[in-house]
PDB file of all heavy atoms in Angstrom:
ATOM      1  N   LYS A   1      12.462   6.051  19.587  1.00  0.00           N
ATOM      2  CA  LYS A   1      11.266   5.302  19.957  1.00  0.00           C
ATOM      3  C   LYS A   1      11.311   3.938  19.277  1.00  0.00           C
ATOM      4  O   LYS A   1      11.815   3.803  18.160  1.00  0.00           O
ATOM      5  CB  LYS A   1       9.992   6.053  19.555  1.00  0.00           C
ATOM      6  CG  LYS A   1       9.853   7.423  20.184  1.00  0.00           C
ATOM      7  CD  LYS A   1       9.758   7.337  21.693  1.00  0.00           C
ATOM      8  CE  LYS A   1       9.554   8.719  22.305  1.00  0.00           C
ATOM      9  NZ  LYS A   1       9.481   8.672  23.790  1.00  0.00           N
ATOM     10  N   SER A   2      10.780   2.930  19.949  1.00  0.00           N
ATOM     11  CA  SER A   2      10.870   1.565  19.434  1.00  0.00           C
ATOM     12  C   SER A   2       9.493   0.993  19.111  1.00  0.00           C
ATOM     13  O   SER A   2       8.490   1.383  19.703  1.00  0.00           O
ATOM     14  CB  SER A   2      11.571   0.655  20.445  1.00  0.00           C
ATOM     15  OG  SER A   2      12.890   1.063  20.676  1.00  0.00           O
ATOM     16  N   GLN A   3       9.493   0.072  18.181  1.00  0.00           N
ATOM     17  CA  GLN A   3       8.281  -0.670  17.846  1.00  0.00           C
ATOM     18  C   GLN A   3       8.665  -2.115  17.581  1.00  0.00           C
ATOM     19  O   GLN A   3       9.672  -2.397  16.924  1.00  0.00           O
ATOM     20  CB  GLN A   3       7.591  -0.074  16.616  1.00  0.00           C
ATOM     21  CG  GLN A   3       6.280  -0.765  16.263  1.00  0.00           C
ATOM     22  CD  GLN A   3       5.501  -0.009  15.191  1.00  0.00           C
ATOM     23  OE1 GLN A   3       5.838   1.114  14.833  1.00  0.00           O
ATOM     24  NE2 GLN A   3       4.451  -0.630  14.695  1.00  0.00           N
ATOM     25  N   ILE A   4       7.865  -3.036  18.114  1.00  0.00           N
ATOM     26  CA  ILE A   4       8.104  -4.466  17.916  1.00  0.00           C
ATOM     27  C   ILE A   4       7.045  -5.018  16.972  1.00  0.00           C
ATOM     28  O   ILE A   4       5.848  -4.830  17.186  1.00  0.00           O
ATOM     29  CB  ILE A   4       8.092  -5.226  19.248  1.00  0.00           C
ATOM     30  CG1 ILE A   4       9.267  -4.772  20.110  1.00  0.00           C
ATOM     31  CG2 ILE A   4       8.167  -6.724  19.024  1.00  0.00           C
ATOM     32  CD1 ILE A   4       9.375  -5.492  21.430  1.00  0.00           C
ATOM     33  N   ILE A   5       7.498  -5.695  15.930  1.00  0.00           N
ATOM     34  CA  ILE A   5       6.611  -6.226  14.898  1.00  0.00           C
ATOM     35  C   ILE A   5       6.696  -7.751  14.906  1.00  0.00           C
ATOM     36  O   ILE A   5       7.800  -8.309  14.772  1.00  0.00           O
ATOM     37  CB  ILE A   5       6.997  -5.695  13.507  1.00  0.00           C
ATOM     38  CG1 ILE A   5       6.917  -4.173  13.487  1.00  0.00           C
ATOM     39  CG2 ILE A   5       6.121  -6.303  12.428  1.00  0.00           C
ATOM     40  CD1 ILE A   5       7.456  -3.571  12.216  1.00  0.00           C
ATOM     41  N   PRO A   6       5.589  -8.463  15.057  1.00  0.00           N
ATOM     42  CA  PRO A   6       5.618  -9.924  14.931  1.00  0.00           C
ATOM     43  C   PRO A   6       5.912 -10.319  13.480  1.00  0.00           C
ATOM     44  O   PRO A   6       5.232  -9.872  12.559  1.00  0.00           O
ATOM     45  CB  PRO A   6       4.201 -10.346  15.334  1.00  0.00           C
ATOM     46  CG  PRO A   6       3.595  -9.141  15.990  1.00  0.00           C
ATOM     47  CD  PRO A   6       4.246  -7.955  15.381  1.00  0.00           C
ATOM     48  N   LEU A   7       6.925 -11.116  13.274  1.00  0.00           N
ATOM     49  CA  LEU A   7       7.249 -11.613  11.935  1.00  0.00           C
ATOM     50  C   LEU A   7       6.453 -12.899  11.710  1.00  0.00           C
ATOM     51  O   LEU A   7       6.979 -14.011  11.773  1.00  0.00           O
ATOM     52  CB  LEU A   7       8.747 -11.844  11.796  1.00  0.00           C
ATOM     53  CG  LEU A   7       9.627 -10.606  12.018  1.00  0.00           C
ATOM     54  CD1 LEU A   7      11.095 -10.945  11.783  1.00  0.00           C
ATOM     55  CD2 LEU A   7       9.184  -9.450  11.132  1.00  0.00           C
ATOM     56  N   LYS A   8       5.183 -12.714  11.458  1.00  0.00           N
ATOM     57  CA  LYS A   8       4.239 -13.823  11.327  1.00  0.00           C
ATOM     58  C   LYS A   8       3.750 -13.859   9.886  1.00  0.00           C
ATOM     59  O   LYS A   8       3.007 -12.981   9.440  1.00  0.00           O
ATOM     60  CB  LYS A   8       3.070 -13.620  12.293  1.00  0.00           C
ATOM     61  CG  LYS A   8       2.020 -14.710  12.262  1.00  0.00           C
ATOM     62  CD  LYS A   8       0.861 -14.351  13.195  1.00  0.00           C
ATOM     63  CE  LYS A   8      -0.254 -15.368  13.114  1.00  0.00           C
ATOM     64  NZ  LYS A   8      -1.420 -14.977  13.938  1.00  0.00           N
ATOM     65  N   GLY A   9       4.182 -14.870   9.130  1.00  0.00           N
ATOM     66  CA  GLY A   9       3.841 -14.949   7.723  1.00  0.00           C
ATOM     67  C   GLY A   9       2.826 -16.033   7.415  1.00  0.00           C
ATOM     68  O   GLY A   9       2.532 -16.900   8.244  1.00  0.00           O
ATOM     69  N   GLU A  10       2.293 -15.983   6.196  1.00  0.00           N
ATOM     70  CA  GLU A  10       1.385 -17.037   5.737  1.00  0.00           C
ATOM     71  C   GLU A  10       2.114 -18.366   5.588  1.00  0.00           C
ATOM     72  O   GLU A  10       1.498 -19.427   5.633  1.00  0.00           O
ATOM     73  CB  GLU A  10       0.752 -16.637   4.413  1.00  0.00           C
ATOM     74  CG  GLU A  10      -0.277 -15.539   4.514  1.00  0.00           C
ATOM     75  CD  GLU A  10      -0.976 -15.258   3.201  1.00  0.00           C
ATOM     76  OE1 GLU A  10      -0.340 -15.363   2.140  1.00  0.00           O
ATOM     77  OE2 GLU A  10      -2.172 -14.935   3.230  1.00  0.00           O
ATOM     78  N   GLY A  11       3.409 -18.296   5.368  1.00  0.00           N
ATOM     79  CA  GLY A  11       4.235 -19.498   5.270  1.00  0.00           C
ATOM     80  C   GLY A  11       5.600 -19.195   5.848  1.00  0.00           C
ATOM     81  O   GLY A  11       5.828 -18.150   6.455  1.00  0.00           O
ATOM     82  N   SER A  12       6.529 -20.111   5.671  1.00  0.00           N
ATOM     83  CA  SER A  12       7.884 -19.892   6.178  1.00  0.00           C
ATOM     84  C   SER A  12       8.600 -18.855   5.313  1.00  0.00           C
ATOM     85  O   SER A  12       8.269 -18.646   4.144  1.00  0.00           O
ATOM     86  CB  SER A  12       8.654 -21.213   6.192  1.00  0.00           C
ATOM     87  OG  SER A  12       8.786 -21.720   4.874  1.00  0.00           O
ATOM     88  N   PHE A  13       9.616 -18.210   5.885  1.00  0.00           N
ATOM     89  CA  PHE A  13      10.410 -17.214   5.167  1.00  0.00           C
ATOM     90  C   PHE A  13      11.817 -17.245   5.728  1.00  0.00           C
ATOM     91  O   PHE A  13      12.048 -17.680   6.862  1.00  0.00           O
ATOM     92  CB  PHE A  13       9.789 -15.824   5.303  1.00  0.00           C
ATOM     93  CG  PHE A  13       9.487 -15.424   6.727  1.00  0.00           C
ATOM     94  CD1 PHE A  13      10.392 -14.685   7.471  1.00  0.00           C
ATOM     95  CD2 PHE A  13       8.285 -15.804   7.327  1.00  0.00           C
ATOM     96  CE1 PHE A  13      10.111 -14.337   8.784  1.00  0.00           C
ATOM     97  CE2 PHE A  13       8.000 -15.453   8.646  1.00  0.00           C
ATOM     98  CZ  PHE A  13       8.924 -14.715   9.374  1.00  0.00           C
ATOM     99  N   ASN A  14      12.774 -16.811   4.929  1.00  0.00           N
ATOM    100  CA  ASN A  14      14.174 -16.887   5.362  1.00  0.00           C
ATOM    101  C   ASN A  14      14.893 -15.549   5.323  1.00  0.00           C
ATOM    102  O   ASN A  14      16.096 -15.488   5.595  1.00  0.00           O
ATOM    103  CB  ASN A  14      14.940 -17.921   4.527  1.00  0.00           C
ATOM    104  CG  ASN A  14      14.789 -17.672   3.034  1.00  0.00           C
ATOM    105  OD1 ASN A  14      14.536 -16.550   2.605  1.00  0.00           O
ATOM    106  ND2 ASN A  14      14.938 -18.718   2.244  1.00  0.00           N
ATOM    107  N   SER A  15      14.207 -14.474   4.968  1.00  0.00           N
ATOM    108  CA  SER A  15      14.825 -13.153   4.981  1.00  0.00           C
ATOM    109  C   SER A  15      13.750 -12.086   5.157  1.00  0.00           C
ATOM    110  O   SER A  15      12.560 -12.335   4.929  1.00  0.00           O
ATOM    111  CB  SER A  15      15.628 -12.899   3.700  1.00  0.00           C
ATOM    112  OG  SER A  15      14.766 -12.842   2.575  1.00  0.00           O
ATOM    113  N   VAL A  16      14.209 -10.912   5.563  1.00  0.00           N
ATOM    114  CA  VAL A  16      13.319  -9.776   5.768  1.00  0.00           C
ATOM    115  C   VAL A  16      13.889  -8.575   5.035  1.00  0.00           C
ATOM    116  O   VAL A  16      15.062  -8.217   5.237  1.00  0.00           O
ATOM    117  CB  VAL A  16      13.165  -9.444   7.273  1.00  0.00           C
ATOM    118  CG1 VAL A  16      12.346  -8.177   7.470  1.00  0.00           C
ATOM    119  CG2 VAL A  16      12.519 -10.612   8.013  1.00  0.00           C
ATOM    120  N   ASN A  17      13.093  -7.961   4.171  1.00  0.00           N
ATOM    121  CA  ASN A  17      13.496  -6.711   3.537  1.00  0.00           C
ATOM    122  C   ASN A  17      13.083  -5.551   4.439  1.00  0.00           C
ATOM    123  O   ASN A  17      11.901  -5.409   4.769  1.00  0.00           O
ATOM    124  CB  ASN A  17      12.830  -6.550   2.170  1.00  0.00           C
ATOM    125  CG  ASN A  17      13.509  -7.381   1.101  1.00  0.00           C
ATOM    126  OD1 ASN A  17      14.649  -7.808   1.265  1.00  0.00           O
ATOM    127  ND2 ASN A  17      12.820  -7.625   0.000  1.00  0.00           N
ATOM    128  N   PHE A  18      14.054  -4.745   4.824  1.00  0.00           N
ATOM    129  CA  PHE A  18      13.774  -3.579   5.658  1.00  0.00           C
ATOM    130  C   PHE A  18      14.166  -2.319   4.902  1.00  0.00           C
ATOM    131  O   PHE A  18      15.317  -2.159   4.484  1.00  0.00           O
ATOM    132  CB  PHE A  18      14.545  -3.658   6.976  1.00  0.00           C
ATOM    133  CG  PHE A  18      14.279  -2.484   7.878  1.00  0.00           C
ATOM    134  CD1 PHE A  18      13.105  -2.423   8.614  1.00  0.00           C
ATOM    135  CD2 PHE A  18      15.168  -1.430   7.965  1.00  0.00           C
ATOM    136  CE1 PHE A  18      12.836  -1.329   9.428  1.00  0.00           C
ATOM    137  CE2 PHE A  18      14.917  -0.336   8.779  1.00  0.00           C
ATOM    138  CZ  PHE A  18      13.742  -0.288   9.513  1.00  0.00           C
ATOM    139  N   SER A  19      13.183  -1.427   4.692  1.00  0.00           N
ATOM    140  CA  SER A  19      13.411  -0.175   3.968  1.00  0.00           C
ATOM    141  C   SER A  19      13.062   0.994   4.878  1.00  0.00           C
ATOM    142  O   SER A  19      12.131   0.900   5.681  1.00  0.00           O
ATOM    143  CB  SER A  19      12.547  -0.120   2.694  1.00  0.00           C
ATOM    144  OG  SER A  19      12.708  -1.281   1.907  1.00  0.00           O
ATOM    145  N   TRP A  20      13.805   2.095   4.721  1.00  0.00           N
ATOM    146  CA  TRP A  20      13.485   3.274   5.526  1.00  0.00           C
ATOM    147  C   TRP A  20      13.874   4.549   4.794  1.00  0.00           C
ATOM    148  O   TRP A  20      14.505   4.521   3.752  1.00  0.00           O
ATOM    149  CB  TRP A  20      14.142   3.188   6.903  1.00  0.00           C
ATOM    150  CG  TRP A  20      15.591   3.551   7.021  1.00  0.00           C
ATOM    151  CD1 TRP A  20      16.117   4.734   7.444  1.00  0.00           C
ATOM    152  CD2 TRP A  20      16.725   2.702   6.758  1.00  0.00           C
ATOM    153  NE1 TRP A  20      17.493   4.688   7.459  1.00  0.00           N
ATOM    154  CE2 TRP A  20      17.889   3.449   7.052  1.00  0.00           C
ATOM    155  CE3 TRP A  20      16.865   1.389   6.302  1.00  0.00           C
ATOM    156  CZ2 TRP A  20      19.169   2.919   6.891  1.00  0.00           C
ATOM    157  CZ3 TRP A  20      18.141   0.869   6.147  1.00  0.00           C
ATOM    158  CH2 TRP A  20      19.263   1.635   6.443  1.00  0.00           C
ATOM    159  N   HIS A  21      13.468   5.672   5.320  1.00  0.00           N
ATOM    160  CA  HIS A  21      13.623   7.024   4.778  1.00  0.00           C
ATOM    161  C   HIS A  21      12.782   7.158   3.494  1.00  0.00           C
ATOM    162  O   HIS A  21      13.252   6.924   2.383  1.00  0.00           O
ATOM    163  CB  HIS A  21      15.077   7.370   4.484  1.00  0.00           C
ATOM    164  CG  HIS A  21      15.261   8.853   4.247  1.00  0.00           C
ATOM    165  ND1 HIS A  21      15.544   9.737   5.263  1.00  0.00           N
ATOM    166  CD2 HIS A  21      15.164   9.618   3.118  1.00  0.00           C
ATOM    167  CE1 HIS A  21      15.633  10.967   4.763  1.00  0.00           C
ATOM    168  NE2 HIS A  21      15.402  10.910   3.470  1.00  0.00           N
ATOM    169  N   LEU A  22      11.527   7.564   3.689  1.00  0.00           N
ATOM    170  CA  LEU A  22      10.584   7.726   2.586  1.00  0.00           C
ATOM    171  C   LEU A  22      10.875   9.041   1.865  1.00  0.00           C
ATOM    172  O   LEU A  22      10.809  10.126   2.445  1.00  0.00           O
ATOM    173  CB  LEU A  22       9.155   7.726   3.123  1.00  0.00           C
ATOM    174  CG  LEU A  22       8.021   7.754   2.105  1.00  0.00           C
ATOM    175  CD1 LEU A  22       8.071   6.519   1.212  1.00  0.00           C
ATOM    176  CD2 LEU A  22       6.670   7.831   2.805  1.00  0.00           C
ATOM    177  N   ASN A  23      11.200   8.956   0.575  1.00  0.00           N
ATOM    178  CA  ASN A  23      11.554  10.143  -0.205  1.00  0.00           C
ATOM    179  C   ASN A  23      10.361  11.076  -0.362  1.00  0.00           C
ATOM    180  O   ASN A  23       9.264  10.648  -0.737  1.00  0.00           O
ATOM    181  CB  ASN A  23      12.054   9.741  -1.597  1.00  0.00           C
ATOM    182  CG  ASN A  23      13.415   9.093  -1.566  1.00  0.00           C
ATOM    183  OD1 ASN A  23      14.279   9.483  -0.778  1.00  0.00           O
ATOM    184  ND2 ASN A  23      13.612   8.088  -2.400  1.00  0.00           N
ATOM    185  N   SER A  24      10.559  12.347  -0.079  1.00  0.00           N
ATOM    186  CA  SER A  24       9.548  13.385  -0.282  1.00  0.00           C
ATOM    187  C   SER A  24      10.271  14.708  -0.485  1.00  0.00           C
ATOM    188  O   SER A  24      11.446  14.845  -0.145  1.00  0.00           O
ATOM    189  CB  SER A  24       8.589  13.464   0.917  1.00  0.00           C
ATOM    190  OG  SER A  24       9.306  13.792   2.097  1.00  0.00           O
ATOM    191  N   MET A  25       9.561  15.685  -1.043  1.00  0.00           N
ATOM    192  CA  MET A  25      10.210  16.968  -1.321  1.00  0.00           C
ATOM    193  C   MET A  25      10.515  17.724  -0.034  1.00  0.00           C
ATOM    194  O   MET A  25      11.474  18.491   0.036  1.00  0.00           O
ATOM    195  CB  MET A  25       9.331  17.809  -2.241  1.00  0.00           C
ATOM    196  CG  MET A  25       9.129  17.202  -3.627  1.00  0.00           C
ATOM    197  SD  MET A  25      10.698  16.807  -4.466  1.00  0.00           S
ATOM    198  CE  MET A  25      11.420  18.448  -4.629  1.00  0.00           C
ATOM    199  N   THR A  26       9.696  17.536   0.998  1.00  0.00           N
ATOM    200  CA  THR A  26       9.920  18.190   2.288  1.00  0.00           C
ATOM    201  C   THR A  26       9.733  17.183   3.414  1.00  0.00           C
ATOM    202  O   THR A  26       9.113  16.129   3.220  1.00  0.00           O
ATOM    203  CB  THR A  26       8.945  19.372   2.499  1.00  0.00           C
ATOM    204  OG1 THR A  26       7.596  18.890   2.409  1.00  0.00           O
ATOM    205  CG2 THR A  26       9.171  20.459   1.448  1.00  0.00           C
ATOM    206  N   GLN A  27      10.248  17.513   4.578  1.00  0.00           N
ATOM    207  CA  GLN A  27      10.088  16.646   5.746  1.00  0.00           C
ATOM    208  C   GLN A  27       8.743  16.932   6.404  1.00  0.00           C
ATOM    209  O   GLN A  27       8.534  17.991   6.976  1.00  0.00           O
ATOM    210  CB  GLN A  27      11.221  16.884   6.744  1.00  0.00           C
ATOM    211  CG  GLN A  27      12.592  16.504   6.219  1.00  0.00           C
ATOM    212  CD  GLN A  27      13.682  16.674   7.255  1.00  0.00           C
ATOM    213  OE1 GLN A  27      13.433  16.511   8.442  1.00  0.00           O
ATOM    214  NE2 GLN A  27      14.886  16.990   6.813  1.00  0.00           N
ATOM    215  N   THR A  28       7.818  15.988   6.285  1.00  0.00           N
ATOM    216  CA  THR A  28       6.485  16.112   6.868  1.00  0.00           C
ATOM    217  C   THR A  28       6.109  14.777   7.490  1.00  0.00           C
ATOM    218  O   THR A  28       6.910  13.837   7.517  1.00  0.00           O
ATOM    219  CB  THR A  28       5.444  16.494   5.799  1.00  0.00           C
ATOM    220  OG1 THR A  28       5.334  15.418   4.838  1.00  0.00           O
ATOM    221  CG2 THR A  28       5.853  17.778   5.057  1.00  0.00           C
ATOM    222  N   ASN A  29       4.864  14.679   7.961  1.00  0.00           N
ATOM    223  CA  ASN A  29       4.367  13.404   8.478  1.00  0.00           C
ATOM    224  C   ASN A  29       4.217  12.368   7.380  1.00  0.00           C
ATOM    225  O   ASN A  29       4.045  11.177   7.666  1.00  0.00           O
ATOM    226  CB  ASN A  29       3.028  13.614   9.187  1.00  0.00           C
ATOM    227  CG  ASN A  29       3.169  14.372  10.482  1.00  0.00           C
ATOM    228  OD1 ASN A  29       4.215  14.328  11.134  1.00  0.00           O
ATOM    229  ND2 ASN A  29       2.115  15.087  10.875  1.00  0.00           N
ATOM    230  N   ASP A  30       4.246  12.825   6.117  1.00  0.00           N
ATOM    231  CA  ASP A  30       4.074  11.912   4.989  1.00  0.00           C
ATOM    232  C   ASP A  30       5.391  11.551   4.314  1.00  0.00           C
ATOM    233  O   ASP A  30       5.391  10.836   3.310  1.00  0.00           O
ATOM    234  CB  ASP A  30       3.124  12.520   3.958  1.00  0.00           C
ATOM    235  CG  ASP A  30       1.737  12.768   4.529  1.00  0.00           C
ATOM    236  OD1 ASP A  30       1.265  11.916   5.301  1.00  0.00           O
ATOM    237  OD2 ASP A  30       1.134  13.812   4.220  1.00  0.00           O
ATOM    238  N   GLY A  31       6.500  12.052   4.810  1.00  0.00           N
ATOM    239  CA  GLY A  31       7.775  11.744   4.179  1.00  0.00           C
ATOM    240  C   GLY A  31       8.936  12.311   4.973  1.00  0.00           C
ATOM    241  O   GLY A  31       8.767  13.124   5.880  1.00  0.00           O
TER     242      GLY A  31
END
């Protein structure tokens, strides 16, 4: 599934930090 995010900042920016896979003890909706 896809999601499109507007990269709209308060000012200019030159890089984007992208993080994924939220650590949790079990696989749930929260991790």
